[in-house]
Amino acid sequence: TEKYSIEKFPTILIFGEVDKLNIAG
């Protein structure tokens, strides 16, 4: 939460080959 400055929950974090993805929201 602190590292990625998250303010709203529940939320989803995606790690890995994220440059291949373009997801709305």
PDBML (XML) file of the C-alpha atoms, coordinates in Angstrom:
<?xml version="1.0" encoding="UTF-8" ?>
<PDBx:datablock datablockName="MODEL"
   xmlns:PDBx="http://pdbml.pdb.org/schema/pdbx-v50.xsd"
   xmlns:xsi="http://www.w3.org/2001/XMLSchema-instance"
   xsi:schemaLocation="http://pdbml.pdb.org/schema/pdbx-v50.xsd pdbx-v50.xsd">
   <PDBx:atom_siteCategory>
      <PDBx:atom_site id="1">
         <PDBx:B_iso_or_equiv>0.00</PDBx:B_iso_or_equiv>
         <PDBx:Cartn_x>0.000</PDBx:Cartn_x>
         <PDBx:Cartn_y>0.000</PDBx:Cartn_y>
         <PDBx:Cartn_z>0.000</PDBx:Cartn_z>
         <PDBx:auth_asym_id>A</PDBx:auth_asym_id>
         <PDBx:auth_atom_id>CA</PDBx:auth_atom_id>
         <PDBx:auth_comp_id>THR</PDBx:auth_comp_id>
         <PDBx:auth_seq_id>1</PDBx:auth_seq_id>
         <PDBx:group_PDB>ATOM</PDBx:group_PDB>
         <PDBx:label_alt_id xsi:nil="true" />
         <PDBx:label_asym_id>A</PDBx:label_asym_id>
         <PDBx:label_atom_id>CA</PDBx:label_atom_id>
         <PDBx:label_comp_id>THR</PDBx:label_comp_id>
         <PDBx:label_entity_id>1</PDBx:label_entity_id>
         <PDBx:label_seq_id>1</PDBx:label_seq_id>
         <PDBx:occupancy>1.00</PDBx:occupancy>
         <PDBx:pdbx_PDB_model_num>1</PDBx:pdbx_PDB_model_num>
         <PDBx:type_symbol>C</PDBx:type_symbol>
      </PDBx:atom_site>
      <PDBx:atom_site id="2">
         <PDBx:B_iso_or_equiv>0.00</PDBx:B_iso_or_equiv>
         <PDBx:Cartn_x>2.781</PDBx:Cartn_x>
         <PDBx:Cartn_y>2.409</PDBx:Cartn_y>
         <PDBx:Cartn_z>0.901</PDBx:Cartn_z>
         <PDBx:auth_asym_id>A</PDBx:auth_asym_id>
         <PDBx:auth_atom_id>CA</PDBx:auth_atom_id>
         <PDBx:auth_comp_id>GLU</PDBx:auth_comp_id>
         <PDBx:auth_seq_id>2</PDBx:auth_seq_id>
         <PDBx:group_PDB>ATOM</PDBx:group_PDB>
         <PDBx:label_alt_id xsi:nil="true" />
         <PDBx:label_asym_id>A</PDBx:label_asym_id>
         <PDBx:label_atom_id>CA</PDBx:label_atom_id>
         <PDBx:label_comp_id>GLU</PDBx:label_comp_id>
         <PDBx:label_entity_id>1</PDBx:label_entity_id>
         <PDBx:label_seq_id>2</PDBx:label_seq_id>
         <PDBx:occupancy>1.00</PDBx:occupancy>
         <PDBx:pdbx_PDB_model_num>1</PDBx:pdbx_PDB_model_num>
         <PDBx:type_symbol>C</PDBx:type_symbol>
      </PDBx:atom_site>
      <PDBx:atom_site id="3">
         <PDBx:B_iso_or_equiv>0.00</PDBx:B_iso_or_equiv>
         <PDBx:Cartn_x>5.070</PDBx:Cartn_x>
         <PDBx:Cartn_y>1.444</PDBx:Cartn_y>
         <PDBx:Cartn_z>-1.976</PDBx:Cartn_z>
         <PDBx:auth_asym_id>A</PDBx:auth_asym_id>
         <PDBx:auth_atom_id>CA</PDBx:auth_atom_id>
         <PDBx:auth_comp_id>LYS</PDBx:auth_comp_id>
         <PDBx:auth_seq_id>3</PDBx:auth_seq_id>
         <PDBx:group_PDB>ATOM</PDBx:group_PDB>
         <PDBx:label_alt_id xsi:nil="true" />
         <PDBx:label_asym_id>A</PDBx:label_asym_id>
         <PDBx:label_atom_id>CA</PDBx:label_atom_id>
         <PDBx:label_comp_id>LYS</PDBx:label_comp_id>
         <PDBx:label_entity_id>1</PDBx:label_entity_id>
         <PDBx:label_seq_id>3</PDBx:label_seq_id>
         <PDBx:occupancy>1.00</PDBx:occupancy>
         <PDBx:pdbx_PDB_model_num>1</PDBx:pdbx_PDB_model_num>
         <PDBx:type_symbol>C</PDBx:type_symbol>
      </PDBx:atom_site>
      <PDBx:atom_site id="4">
         <PDBx:B_iso_or_equiv>0.00</PDBx:B_iso_or_equiv>
         <PDBx:Cartn_x>2.414</PDBx:Cartn_x>
         <PDBx:Cartn_y>1.896</PDBx:Cartn_y>
         <PDBx:Cartn_z>-4.665</PDBx:Cartn_z>
         <PDBx:auth_asym_id>A</PDBx:auth_asym_id>
         <PDBx:auth_atom_id>CA</PDBx:auth_atom_id>
         <PDBx:auth_comp_id>TYR</PDBx:auth_comp_id>
         <PDBx:auth_seq_id>4</PDBx:auth_seq_id>
         <PDBx:group_PDB>ATOM</PDBx:group_PDB>
         <PDBx:label_alt_id xsi:nil="true" />
         <PDBx:label_asym_id>A</PDBx:label_asym_id>
         <PDBx:label_atom_id>CA</PDBx:label_atom_id>
         <PDBx:label_comp_id>TYR</PDBx:label_comp_id>
         <PDBx:label_entity_id>1</PDBx:label_entity_id>
         <PDBx:label_seq_id>4</PDBx:label_seq_id>
         <PDBx:occupancy>1.00</PDBx:occupancy>
         <PDBx:pdbx_PDB_model_num>1</PDBx:pdbx_PDB_model_num>
         <PDBx:type_symbol>C</PDBx:type_symbol>
      </PDBx:atom_site>
      <PDBx:atom_site id="5">
         <PDBx:B_iso_or_equiv>0.00</PDBx:B_iso_or_equiv>
         <PDBx:Cartn_x>0.446</PDBx:Cartn_x>
         <PDBx:Cartn_y>4.723</PDBx:Cartn_y>
         <PDBx:Cartn_z>-2.972</PDBx:Cartn_z>
         <PDBx:auth_asym_id>A</PDBx:auth_asym_id>
         <PDBx:auth_atom_id>CA</PDBx:auth_atom_id>
         <PDBx:auth_comp_id>SER</PDBx:auth_comp_id>
         <PDBx:auth_seq_id>5</PDBx:auth_seq_id>
         <PDBx:group_PDB>ATOM</PDBx:group_PDB>
         <PDBx:label_alt_id xsi:nil="true" />
         <PDBx:label_asym_id>A</PDBx:label_asym_id>
         <PDBx:label_atom_id>CA</PDBx:label_atom_id>
         <PDBx:label_comp_id>SER</PDBx:label_comp_id>
         <PDBx:label_entity_id>1</PDBx:label_entity_id>
         <PDBx:label_seq_id>5</PDBx:label_seq_id>
         <PDBx:occupancy>1.00</PDBx:occupancy>
         <PDBx:pdbx_PDB_model_num>1</PDBx:pdbx_PDB_model_num>
         <PDBx:type_symbol>C</PDBx:type_symbol>
      </PDBx:atom_site>
      <PDBx:atom_site id="6">
         <PDBx:B_iso_or_equiv>0.00</PDBx:B_iso_or_equiv>
         <PDBx:Cartn_x>-2.817</PDBx:Cartn_x>
         <PDBx:Cartn_y>2.780</PDBx:Cartn_y>
         <PDBx:Cartn_z>-2.977</PDBx:Cartn_z>
         <PDBx:auth_asym_id>A</PDBx:auth_asym_id>
         <PDBx:auth_atom_id>CA</PDBx:auth_atom_id>
         <PDBx:auth_comp_id>ILE</PDBx:auth_comp_id>
         <PDBx:auth_seq_id>6</PDBx:auth_seq_id>
         <PDBx:group_PDB>ATOM</PDBx:group_PDB>
         <PDBx:label_alt_id xsi:nil="true" />
         <PDBx:label_asym_id>A</PDBx:label_asym_id>
         <PDBx:label_atom_id>CA</PDBx:label_atom_id>
         <PDBx:label_comp_id>ILE</PDBx:label_comp_id>
         <PDBx:label_entity_id>1</PDBx:label_entity_id>
         <PDBx:label_seq_id>6</PDBx:label_seq_id>
         <PDBx:occupancy>1.00</PDBx:occupancy>
         <PDBx:pdbx_PDB_model_num>1</PDBx:pdbx_PDB_model_num>
         <PDBx:type_symbol>C</PDBx:type_symbol>
      </PDBx:atom_site>
      <PDBx:atom_site id="7">
         <PDBx:B_iso_or_equiv>0.00</PDBx:B_iso_or_equiv>
         <PDBx:Cartn_x>-5.871</PDBx:Cartn_x>
         <PDBx:Cartn_y>4.578</PDBx:Cartn_y>
         <PDBx:Cartn_z>-1.588</PDBx:Cartn_z>
         <PDBx:auth_asym_id>A</PDBx:auth_asym_id>
         <PDBx:auth_atom_id>CA</PDBx:auth_atom_id>
         <PDBx:auth_comp_id>GLU</PDBx:auth_comp_id>
         <PDBx:auth_seq_id>7</PDBx:auth_seq_id>
         <PDBx:group_PDB>ATOM</PDBx:group_PDB>
         <PDBx:label_alt_id xsi:nil="true" />
         <PDBx:label_asym_id>A</PDBx:label_asym_id>
         <PDBx:label_atom_id>CA</PDBx:label_atom_id>
         <PDBx:label_comp_id>GLU</PDBx:label_comp_id>
         <PDBx:label_entity_id>1</PDBx:label_entity_id>
         <PDBx:label_seq_id>7</PDBx:label_seq_id>
         <PDBx:occupancy>1.00</PDBx:occupancy>
         <PDBx:pdbx_PDB_model_num>1</PDBx:pdbx_PDB_model_num>
         <PDBx:type_symbol>C</PDBx:type_symbol>
      </PDBx:atom_site>
      <PDBx:atom_site id="8">
         <PDBx:B_iso_or_equiv>0.00</PDBx:B_iso_or_equiv>
         <PDBx:Cartn_x>-8.842</PDBx:Cartn_x>
         <PDBx:Cartn_y>2.336</PDBx:Cartn_y>
         <PDBx:Cartn_z>-2.460</PDBx:Cartn_z>
         <PDBx:auth_asym_id>A</PDBx:auth_asym_id>
         <PDBx:auth_atom_id>CA</PDBx:auth_atom_id>
         <PDBx:auth_comp_id>LYS</PDBx:auth_comp_id>
         <PDBx:auth_seq_id>8</PDBx:auth_seq_id>
         <PDBx:group_PDB>ATOM</PDBx:group_PDB>
         <PDBx:label_alt_id xsi:nil="true" />
         <PDBx:label_asym_id>A</PDBx:label_asym_id>
         <PDBx:label_atom_id>CA</PDBx:label_atom_id>
         <PDBx:label_comp_id>LYS</PDBx:label_comp_id>
         <PDBx:label_entity_id>1</PDBx:label_entity_id>
         <PDBx:label_seq_id>8</PDBx:label_seq_id>
         <PDBx:occupancy>1.00</PDBx:occupancy>
         <PDBx:pdbx_PDB_model_num>1</PDBx:pdbx_PDB_model_num>
         <PDBx:type_symbol>C</PDBx:type_symbol>
      </PDBx:atom_site>
      <PDBx:atom_site id="9">
         <PDBx:B_iso_or_equiv>0.00</PDBx:B_iso_or_equiv>
         <PDBx:Cartn_x>-9.546</PDBx:Cartn_x>
         <PDBx:Cartn_y>-1.318</PDBx:Cartn_y>
         <PDBx:Cartn_z>-1.732</PDBx:Cartn_z>
         <PDBx:auth_asym_id>A</PDBx:auth_asym_id>
         <PDBx:auth_atom_id>CA</PDBx:auth_atom_id>
         <PDBx:auth_comp_id>PHE</PDBx:auth_comp_id>
         <PDBx:auth_seq_id>9</PDBx:auth_seq_id>
         <PDBx:group_PDB>ATOM</PDBx:group_PDB>
         <PDBx:label_alt_id xsi:nil="true" />
         <PDBx:label_asym_id>A</PDBx:label_asym_id>
         <PDBx:label_atom_id>CA</PDBx:label_atom_id>
         <PDBx:label_comp_id>PHE</PDBx:label_comp_id>
         <PDBx:label_entity_id>1</PDBx:label_entity_id>
         <PDBx:label_seq_id>9</PDBx:label_seq_id>
         <PDBx:occupancy>1.00</PDBx:occupancy>
         <PDBx:pdbx_PDB_model_num>1</PDBx:pdbx_PDB_model_num>
         <PDBx:type_symbol>C</PDBx:type_symbol>
      </PDBx:atom_site>
      <PDBx:atom_site id="10">
         <PDBx:B_iso_or_equiv>0.00</PDBx:B_iso_or_equiv>
         <PDBx:Cartn_x>-10.097</PDBx:Cartn_x>
         <PDBx:Cartn_y>-4.099</PDBx:Cartn_y>
         <PDBx:Cartn_z>-2.616</PDBx:Cartn_z>
         <PDBx:auth_asym_id>A</PDBx:auth_asym_id>
         <PDBx:auth_atom_id>CA</PDBx:auth_atom_id>
         <PDBx:auth_comp_id>PRO</PDBx:auth_comp_id>
         <PDBx:auth_seq_id>10</PDBx:auth_seq_id>
         <PDBx:group_PDB>ATOM</PDBx:group_PDB>
         <PDBx:label_alt_id xsi:nil="true" />
         <PDBx:label_asym_id>A</PDBx:label_asym_id>
         <PDBx:label_atom_id>CA</PDBx:label_atom_id>
         <PDBx:label_comp_id>PRO</PDBx:label_comp_id>
         <PDBx:label_entity_id>1</PDBx:label_entity_id>
         <PDBx:label_seq_id>10</PDBx:label_seq_id>
         <PDBx:occupancy>1.00</PDBx:occupancy>
         <PDBx:pdbx_PDB_model_num>1</PDBx:pdbx_PDB_model_num>
         <PDBx:type_symbol>C</PDBx:type_symbol>
      </PDBx:atom_site>
      <PDBx:atom_site id="11">
         <PDBx:B_iso_or_equiv>0.00</PDBx:B_iso_or_equiv>
         <PDBx:Cartn_x>-7.576</PDBx:Cartn_x>
         <PDBx:Cartn_y>-3.723</PDBx:Cartn_y>
         <PDBx:Cartn_z>-5.404</PDBx:Cartn_z>
         <PDBx:auth_asym_id>A</PDBx:auth_asym_id>
         <PDBx:auth_atom_id>CA</PDBx:auth_atom_id>
         <PDBx:auth_comp_id>THR</PDBx:auth_comp_id>
         <PDBx:auth_seq_id>11</PDBx:auth_seq_id>
         <PDBx:group_PDB>ATOM</PDBx:group_PDB>
         <PDBx:label_alt_id xsi:nil="true" />
         <PDBx:label_asym_id>A</PDBx:label_asym_id>
         <PDBx:label_atom_id>CA</PDBx:label_atom_id>
         <PDBx:label_comp_id>THR</PDBx:label_comp_id>
         <PDBx:label_entity_id>1</PDBx:label_entity_id>
         <PDBx:label_seq_id>11</PDBx:label_seq_id>
         <PDBx:occupancy>1.00</PDBx:occupancy>
         <PDBx:pdbx_PDB_model_num>1</PDBx:pdbx_PDB_model_num>
         <PDBx:type_symbol>C</PDBx:type_symbol>
      </PDBx:atom_site>
      <PDBx:atom_site id="12">
         <PDBx:B_iso_or_equiv>0.00</PDBx:B_iso_or_equiv>
         <PDBx:Cartn_x>-5.479</PDBx:Cartn_x>
         <PDBx:Cartn_y>-5.832</PDBx:Cartn_y>
         <PDBx:Cartn_z>-7.744</PDBx:Cartn_z>
         <PDBx:auth_asym_id>A</PDBx:auth_asym_id>
         <PDBx:auth_atom_id>CA</PDBx:auth_atom_id>
         <PDBx:auth_comp_id>ILE</PDBx:auth_comp_id>
         <PDBx:auth_seq_id>12</PDBx:auth_seq_id>
         <PDBx:group_PDB>ATOM</PDBx:group_PDB>
         <PDBx:label_alt_id xsi:nil="true" />
         <PDBx:label_asym_id>A</PDBx:label_asym_id>
         <PDBx:label_atom_id>CA</PDBx:label_atom_id>
         <PDBx:label_comp_id>ILE</PDBx:label_comp_id>
         <PDBx:label_entity_id>1</PDBx:label_entity_id>
         <PDBx:label_seq_id>12</PDBx:label_seq_id>
         <PDBx:occupancy>1.00</PDBx:occupancy>
         <PDBx:pdbx_PDB_model_num>1</PDBx:pdbx_PDB_model_num>
         <PDBx:type_symbol>C</PDBx:type_symbol>
      </PDBx:atom_site>
      <PDBx:atom_site id="13">
         <PDBx:B_iso_or_equiv>0.00</PDBx:B_iso_or_equiv>
         <PDBx:Cartn_x>-1.739</PDBx:Cartn_x>
         <PDBx:Cartn_y>-5.635</PDBx:Cartn_y>
         <PDBx:Cartn_z>-8.388</PDBx:Cartn_z>
         <PDBx:auth_asym_id>A</PDBx:auth_asym_id>
         <PDBx:auth_atom_id>CA</PDBx:auth_atom_id>
         <PDBx:auth_comp_id>LEU</PDBx:auth_comp_id>
         <PDBx:auth_seq_id>13</PDBx:auth_seq_id>
         <PDBx:group_PDB>ATOM</PDBx:group_PDB>
         <PDBx:label_alt_id xsi:nil="true" />
         <PDBx:label_asym_id>A</PDBx:label_asym_id>
         <PDBx:label_atom_id>CA</PDBx:label_atom_id>
         <PDBx:label_comp_id>LEU</PDBx:label_comp_id>
         <PDBx:label_entity_id>1</PDBx:label_entity_id>
         <PDBx:label_seq_id>13</PDBx:label_seq_id>
         <PDBx:occupancy>1.00</PDBx:occupancy>
         <PDBx:pdbx_PDB_model_num>1</PDBx:pdbx_PDB_model_num>
         <PDBx:type_symbol>C</PDBx:type_symbol>
      </PDBx:atom_site>
      <PDBx:atom_site id="14">
         <PDBx:B_iso_or_equiv>0.00</PDBx:B_iso_or_equiv>
         <PDBx:Cartn_x>-0.161</PDBx:Cartn_x>
         <PDBx:Cartn_y>-7.371</PDBx:Cartn_y>
         <PDBx:Cartn_z>-11.387</PDBx:Cartn_z>
         <PDBx:auth_asym_id>A</PDBx:auth_asym_id>
         <PDBx:auth_atom_id>CA</PDBx:auth_atom_id>
         <PDBx:auth_comp_id>ILE</PDBx:auth_comp_id>
         <PDBx:auth_seq_id>14</PDBx:auth_seq_id>
         <PDBx:group_PDB>ATOM</PDBx:group_PDB>
         <PDBx:label_alt_id xsi:nil="true" />
         <PDBx:label_asym_id>A</PDBx:label_asym_id>
         <PDBx:label_atom_id>CA</PDBx:label_atom_id>
         <PDBx:label_comp_id>ILE</PDBx:label_comp_id>
         <PDBx:label_entity_id>1</PDBx:label_entity_id>
         <PDBx:label_seq_id>14</PDBx:label_seq_id>
         <PDBx:occupancy>1.00</PDBx:occupancy>
         <PDBx:pdbx_PDB_model_num>1</PDBx:pdbx_PDB_model_num>
         <PDBx:type_symbol>C</PDBx:type_symbol>
      </PDBx:atom_site>
      <PDBx:atom_site id="15">
         <PDBx:B_iso_or_equiv>0.00</PDBx:B_iso_or_equiv>
         <PDBx:Cartn_x>3.546</PDBx:Cartn_x>
         <PDBx:Cartn_y>-8.211</PDBx:Cartn_y>
         <PDBx:Cartn_z>-11.497</PDBx:Cartn_z>
         <PDBx:auth_asym_id>A</PDBx:auth_asym_id>
         <PDBx:auth_atom_id>CA</PDBx:auth_atom_id>
         <PDBx:auth_comp_id>PHE</PDBx:auth_comp_id>
         <PDBx:auth_seq_id>15</PDBx:auth_seq_id>
         <PDBx:group_PDB>ATOM</PDBx:group_PDB>
         <PDBx:label_alt_id xsi:nil="true" />
         <PDBx:label_asym_id>A</PDBx:label_asym_id>
         <PDBx:label_atom_id>CA</PDBx:label_atom_id>
         <PDBx:label_comp_id>PHE</PDBx:label_comp_id>
         <PDBx:label_entity_id>1</PDBx:label_entity_id>
         <PDBx:label_seq_id>15</PDBx:label_seq_id>
         <PDBx:occupancy>1.00</PDBx:occupancy>
         <PDBx:pdbx_PDB_model_num>1</PDBx:pdbx_PDB_model_num>
         <PDBx:type_symbol>C</PDBx:type_symbol>
      </PDBx:atom_site>
      <PDBx:atom_site id="16">
         <PDBx:B_iso_or_equiv>0.00</PDBx:B_iso_or_equiv>
         <PDBx:Cartn_x>5.695</PDBx:Cartn_x>
         <PDBx:Cartn_y>-9.807</PDBx:Cartn_y>
         <PDBx:Cartn_z>-14.182</PDBx:Cartn_z>
         <PDBx:auth_asym_id>A</PDBx:auth_asym_id>
         <PDBx:auth_atom_id>CA</PDBx:auth_atom_id>
         <PDBx:auth_comp_id>GLY</PDBx:auth_comp_id>
         <PDBx:auth_seq_id>16</PDBx:auth_seq_id>
         <PDBx:group_PDB>ATOM</PDBx:group_PDB>
         <PDBx:label_alt_id xsi:nil="true" />
         <PDBx:label_asym_id>A</PDBx:label_asym_id>
         <PDBx:label_atom_id>CA</PDBx:label_atom_id>
         <PDBx:label_comp_id>GLY</PDBx:label_comp_id>
         <PDBx:label_entity_id>1</PDBx:label_entity_id>
         <PDBx:label_seq_id>16</PDBx:label_seq_id>
         <PDBx:occupancy>1.00</PDBx:occupancy>
         <PDBx:pdbx_PDB_model_num>1</PDBx:pdbx_PDB_model_num>
         <PDBx:type_symbol>C</PDBx:type_symbol>
      </PDBx:atom_site>
      <PDBx:atom_site id="17">
         <PDBx:B_iso_or_equiv>0.00</PDBx:B_iso_or_equiv>
         <PDBx:Cartn_x>5.545</PDBx:Cartn_x>
         <PDBx:Cartn_y>-9.081</PDBx:Cartn_y>
         <PDBx:Cartn_z>-17.905</PDBx:Cartn_z>
         <PDBx:auth_asym_id>A</PDBx:auth_asym_id>
         <PDBx:auth_atom_id>CA</PDBx:auth_atom_id>
         <PDBx:auth_comp_id>GLU</PDBx:auth_comp_id>
         <PDBx:auth_seq_id>17</PDBx:auth_seq_id>
         <PDBx:group_PDB>ATOM</PDBx:group_PDB>
         <PDBx:label_alt_id xsi:nil="true" />
         <PDBx:label_asym_id>A</PDBx:label_asym_id>
         <PDBx:label_atom_id>CA</PDBx:label_atom_id>
         <PDBx:label_comp_id>GLU</PDBx:label_comp_id>
         <PDBx:label_entity_id>1</PDBx:label_entity_id>
         <PDBx:label_seq_id>17</PDBx:label_seq_id>
         <PDBx:occupancy>1.00</PDBx:occupancy>
         <PDBx:pdbx_PDB_model_num>1</PDBx:pdbx_PDB_model_num>
         <PDBx:type_symbol>C</PDBx:type_symbol>
      </PDBx:atom_site>
      <PDBx:atom_site id="18">
         <PDBx:B_iso_or_equiv>0.00</PDBx:B_iso_or_equiv>
         <PDBx:Cartn_x>3.216</PDBx:Cartn_x>
         <PDBx:Cartn_y>-6.146</PDBx:Cartn_y>
         <PDBx:Cartn_z>-17.398</PDBx:Cartn_z>
         <PDBx:auth_asym_id>A</PDBx:auth_asym_id>
         <PDBx:auth_atom_id>CA</PDBx:auth_atom_id>
         <PDBx:auth_comp_id>VAL</PDBx:auth_comp_id>
         <PDBx:auth_seq_id>18</PDBx:auth_seq_id>
         <PDBx:group_PDB>ATOM</PDBx:group_PDB>
         <PDBx:label_alt_id xsi:nil="true" />
         <PDBx:label_asym_id>A</PDBx:label_asym_id>
         <PDBx:label_atom_id>CA</PDBx:label_atom_id>
         <PDBx:label_comp_id>VAL</PDBx:label_comp_id>
         <PDBx:label_entity_id>1</PDBx:label_entity_id>
         <PDBx:label_seq_id>18</PDBx:label_seq_id>
         <PDBx:occupancy>1.00</PDBx:occupancy>
         <PDBx:pdbx_PDB_model_num>1</PDBx:pdbx_PDB_model_num>
         <PDBx:type_symbol>C</PDBx:type_symbol>
      </PDBx:atom_site>
      <PDBx:atom_site id="19">
         <PDBx:B_iso_or_equiv>0.00</PDBx:B_iso_or_equiv>
         <PDBx:Cartn_x>4.517</PDBx:Cartn_x>
         <PDBx:Cartn_y>-4.229</PDBx:Cartn_y>
         <PDBx:Cartn_z>-20.426</PDBx:Cartn_z>
         <PDBx:auth_asym_id>A</PDBx:auth_asym_id>
         <PDBx:auth_atom_id>CA</PDBx:auth_atom_id>
         <PDBx:auth_comp_id>ASP</PDBx:auth_comp_id>
         <PDBx:auth_seq_id>19</PDBx:auth_seq_id>
         <PDBx:group_PDB>ATOM</PDBx:group_PDB>
         <PDBx:label_alt_id xsi:nil="true" />
         <PDBx:label_asym_id>A</PDBx:label_asym_id>
         <PDBx:label_atom_id>CA</PDBx:label_atom_id>
         <PDBx:label_comp_id>ASP</PDBx:label_comp_id>
         <PDBx:label_entity_id>1</PDBx:label_entity_id>
         <PDBx:label_seq_id>19</PDBx:label_seq_id>
         <PDBx:occupancy>1.00</PDBx:occupancy>
         <PDBx:pdbx_PDB_model_num>1</PDBx:pdbx_PDB_model_num>
         <PDBx:type_symbol>C</PDBx:type_symbol>
      </PDBx:atom_site>
      <PDBx:atom_site id="20">
         <PDBx:B_iso_or_equiv>0.00</PDBx:B_iso_or_equiv>
         <PDBx:Cartn_x>2.639</PDBx:Cartn_x>
         <PDBx:Cartn_y>-6.713</PDBx:Cartn_y>
         <PDBx:Cartn_z>-22.601</PDBx:Cartn_z>
         <PDBx:auth_asym_id>A</PDBx:auth_asym_id>
         <PDBx:auth_atom_id>CA</PDBx:auth_atom_id>
         <PDBx:auth_comp_id>LYS</PDBx:auth_comp_id>
         <PDBx:auth_seq_id>20</PDBx:auth_seq_id>
         <PDBx:group_PDB>ATOM</PDBx:group_PDB>
         <PDBx:label_alt_id xsi:nil="true" />
         <PDBx:label_asym_id>A</PDBx:label_asym_id>
         <PDBx:label_atom_id>CA</PDBx:label_atom_id>
         <PDBx:label_comp_id>LYS</PDBx:label_comp_id>
         <PDBx:label_entity_id>1</PDBx:label_entity_id>
         <PDBx:label_seq_id>20</PDBx:label_seq_id>
         <PDBx:occupancy>1.00</PDBx:occupancy>
         <PDBx:pdbx_PDB_model_num>1</PDBx:pdbx_PDB_model_num>
         <PDBx:type_symbol>C</PDBx:type_symbol>
      </PDBx:atom_site>
      <PDBx:atom_site id="21">
         <PDBx:B_iso_or_equiv>0.00</PDBx:B_iso_or_equiv>
         <PDBx:Cartn_x>-0.650</PDBx:Cartn_x>
         <PDBx:Cartn_y>-5.693</PDBx:Cartn_y>
         <PDBx:Cartn_z>-21.014</PDBx:Cartn_z>
         <PDBx:auth_asym_id>A</PDBx:auth_asym_id>
         <PDBx:auth_atom_id>CA</PDBx:auth_atom_id>
         <PDBx:auth_comp_id>LEU</PDBx:auth_comp_id>
         <PDBx:auth_seq_id>21</PDBx:auth_seq_id>
         <PDBx:group_PDB>ATOM</PDBx:group_PDB>
         <PDBx:label_alt_id xsi:nil="true" />
         <PDBx:label_asym_id>A</PDBx:label_asym_id>
         <PDBx:label_atom_id>CA</PDBx:label_atom_id>
         <PDBx:label_comp_id>LEU</PDBx:label_comp_id>
         <PDBx:label_entity_id>1</PDBx:label_entity_id>
         <PDBx:label_seq_id>21</PDBx:label_seq_id>
         <PDBx:occupancy>1.00</PDBx:occupancy>
         <PDBx:pdbx_PDB_model_num>1</PDBx:pdbx_PDB_model_num>
         <PDBx:type_symbol>C</PDBx:type_symbol>
      </PDBx:atom_site>
      <PDBx:atom_site id="22">
         <PDBx:B_iso_or_equiv>0.00</PDBx:B_iso_or_equiv>
         <PDBx:Cartn_x>-2.938</PDBx:Cartn_x>
         <PDBx:Cartn_y>-2.706</PDBx:Cartn_y>
         <PDBx:Cartn_z>-21.466</PDBx:Cartn_z>
         <PDBx:auth_asym_id>A</PDBx:auth_asym_id>
         <PDBx:auth_atom_id>CA</PDBx:auth_atom_id>
         <PDBx:auth_comp_id>ASN</PDBx:auth_comp_id>
         <PDBx:auth_seq_id>22</PDBx:auth_seq_id>
         <PDBx:group_PDB>ATOM</PDBx:group_PDB>
         <PDBx:label_alt_id xsi:nil="true" />
         <PDBx:label_asym_id>A</PDBx:label_asym_id>
         <PDBx:label_atom_id>CA</PDBx:label_atom_id>
         <PDBx:label_comp_id>ASN</PDBx:label_comp_id>
         <PDBx:label_entity_id>1</PDBx:label_entity_id>
         <PDBx:label_seq_id>22</PDBx:label_seq_id>
         <PDBx:occupancy>1.00</PDBx:occupancy>
         <PDBx:pdbx_PDB_model_num>1</PDBx:pdbx_PDB_model_num>
         <PDBx:type_symbol>C</PDBx:type_symbol>
      </PDBx:atom_site>
      <PDBx:atom_site id="23">
         <PDBx:B_iso_or_equiv>0.00</PDBx:B_iso_or_equiv>
         <PDBx:Cartn_x>-5.932</PDBx:Cartn_x>
         <PDBx:Cartn_y>-3.049</PDBx:Cartn_y>
         <PDBx:Cartn_z>-19.157</PDBx:Cartn_z>
         <PDBx:auth_asym_id>A</PDBx:auth_asym_id>
         <PDBx:auth_atom_id>CA</PDBx:auth_atom_id>
         <PDBx:auth_comp_id>ILE</PDBx:auth_comp_id>
         <PDBx:auth_seq_id>23</PDBx:auth_seq_id>
         <PDBx:group_PDB>ATOM</PDBx:group_PDB>
         <PDBx:label_alt_id xsi:nil="true" />
         <PDBx:label_asym_id>A</PDBx:label_asym_id>
         <PDBx:label_atom_id>CA</PDBx:label_atom_id>
         <PDBx:label_comp_id>ILE</PDBx:label_comp_id>
         <PDBx:label_entity_id>1</PDBx:label_entity_id>
         <PDBx:label_seq_id>23</PDBx:label_seq_id>
         <PDBx:occupancy>1.00</PDBx:occupancy>
         <PDBx:pdbx_PDB_model_num>1</PDBx:pdbx_PDB_model_num>
         <PDBx:type_symbol>C</PDBx:type_symbol>
      </PDBx:atom_site>
      <PDBx:atom_site id="24">
         <PDBx:B_iso_or_equiv>0.00</PDBx:B_iso_or_equiv>
         <PDBx:Cartn_x>-8.546</PDBx:Cartn_x>
         <PDBx:Cartn_y>-0.352</PDBx:Cartn_y>
         <PDBx:Cartn_z>-18.601</PDBx:Cartn_z>
         <PDBx:auth_asym_id>A</PDBx:auth_asym_id>
         <PDBx:auth_atom_id>CA</PDBx:auth_atom_id>
         <PDBx:auth_comp_id>ALA</PDBx:auth_comp_id>
         <PDBx:auth_seq_id>24</PDBx:auth_seq_id>
         <PDBx:group_PDB>ATOM</PDBx:group_PDB>
         <PDBx:label_alt_id xsi:nil="true" />
         <PDBx:label_asym_id>A</PDBx:label_asym_id>
         <PDBx:label_atom_id>CA</PDBx:label_atom_id>
         <PDBx:label_comp_id>ALA</PDBx:label_comp_id>
         <PDBx:label_entity_id>1</PDBx:label_entity_id>
         <PDBx:label_seq_id>24</PDBx:label_seq_id>
         <PDBx:occupancy>1.00</PDBx:occupancy>
         <PDBx:pdbx_PDB_model_num>1</PDBx:pdbx_PDB_model_num>
         <PDBx:type_symbol>C</PDBx:type_symbol>
      </PDBx:atom_site>
      <PDBx:atom_site id="25">
         <PDBx:B_iso_or_equiv>0.00</PDBx:B_iso_or_equiv>
         <PDBx:Cartn_x>-8.626</PDBx:Cartn_x>
         <PDBx:Cartn_y>0.899</PDBx:Cartn_y>
         <PDBx:Cartn_z>-15.023</PDBx:Cartn_z>
         <PDBx:auth_asym_id>A</PDBx:auth_asym_id>
         <PDBx:auth_atom_id>CA</PDBx:auth_atom_id>
         <PDBx:auth_comp_id>GLY</PDBx:auth_comp_id>
         <PDBx:auth_seq_id>25</PDBx:auth_seq_id>
         <PDBx:group_PDB>ATOM</PDBx:group_PDB>
         <PDBx:label_alt_id xsi:nil="true" />
         <PDBx:label_asym_id>A</PDBx:label_asym_id>
         <PDBx:label_atom_id>CA</PDBx:label_atom_id>
         <PDBx:label_comp_id>GLY</PDBx:label_comp_id>
         <PDBx:label_entity_id>1</PDBx:label_entity_id>
         <PDBx:label_seq_id>25</PDBx:label_seq_id>
         <PDBx:occupancy>1.00</PDBx:occupancy>
         <PDBx:pdbx_PDB_model_num>1</PDBx:pdbx_PDB_model_num>
         <PDBx:type_symbol>C</PDBx:type_symbol>
      </PDBx:atom_site>
   </PDBx:atom_siteCategory>
</PDBx:datablock>
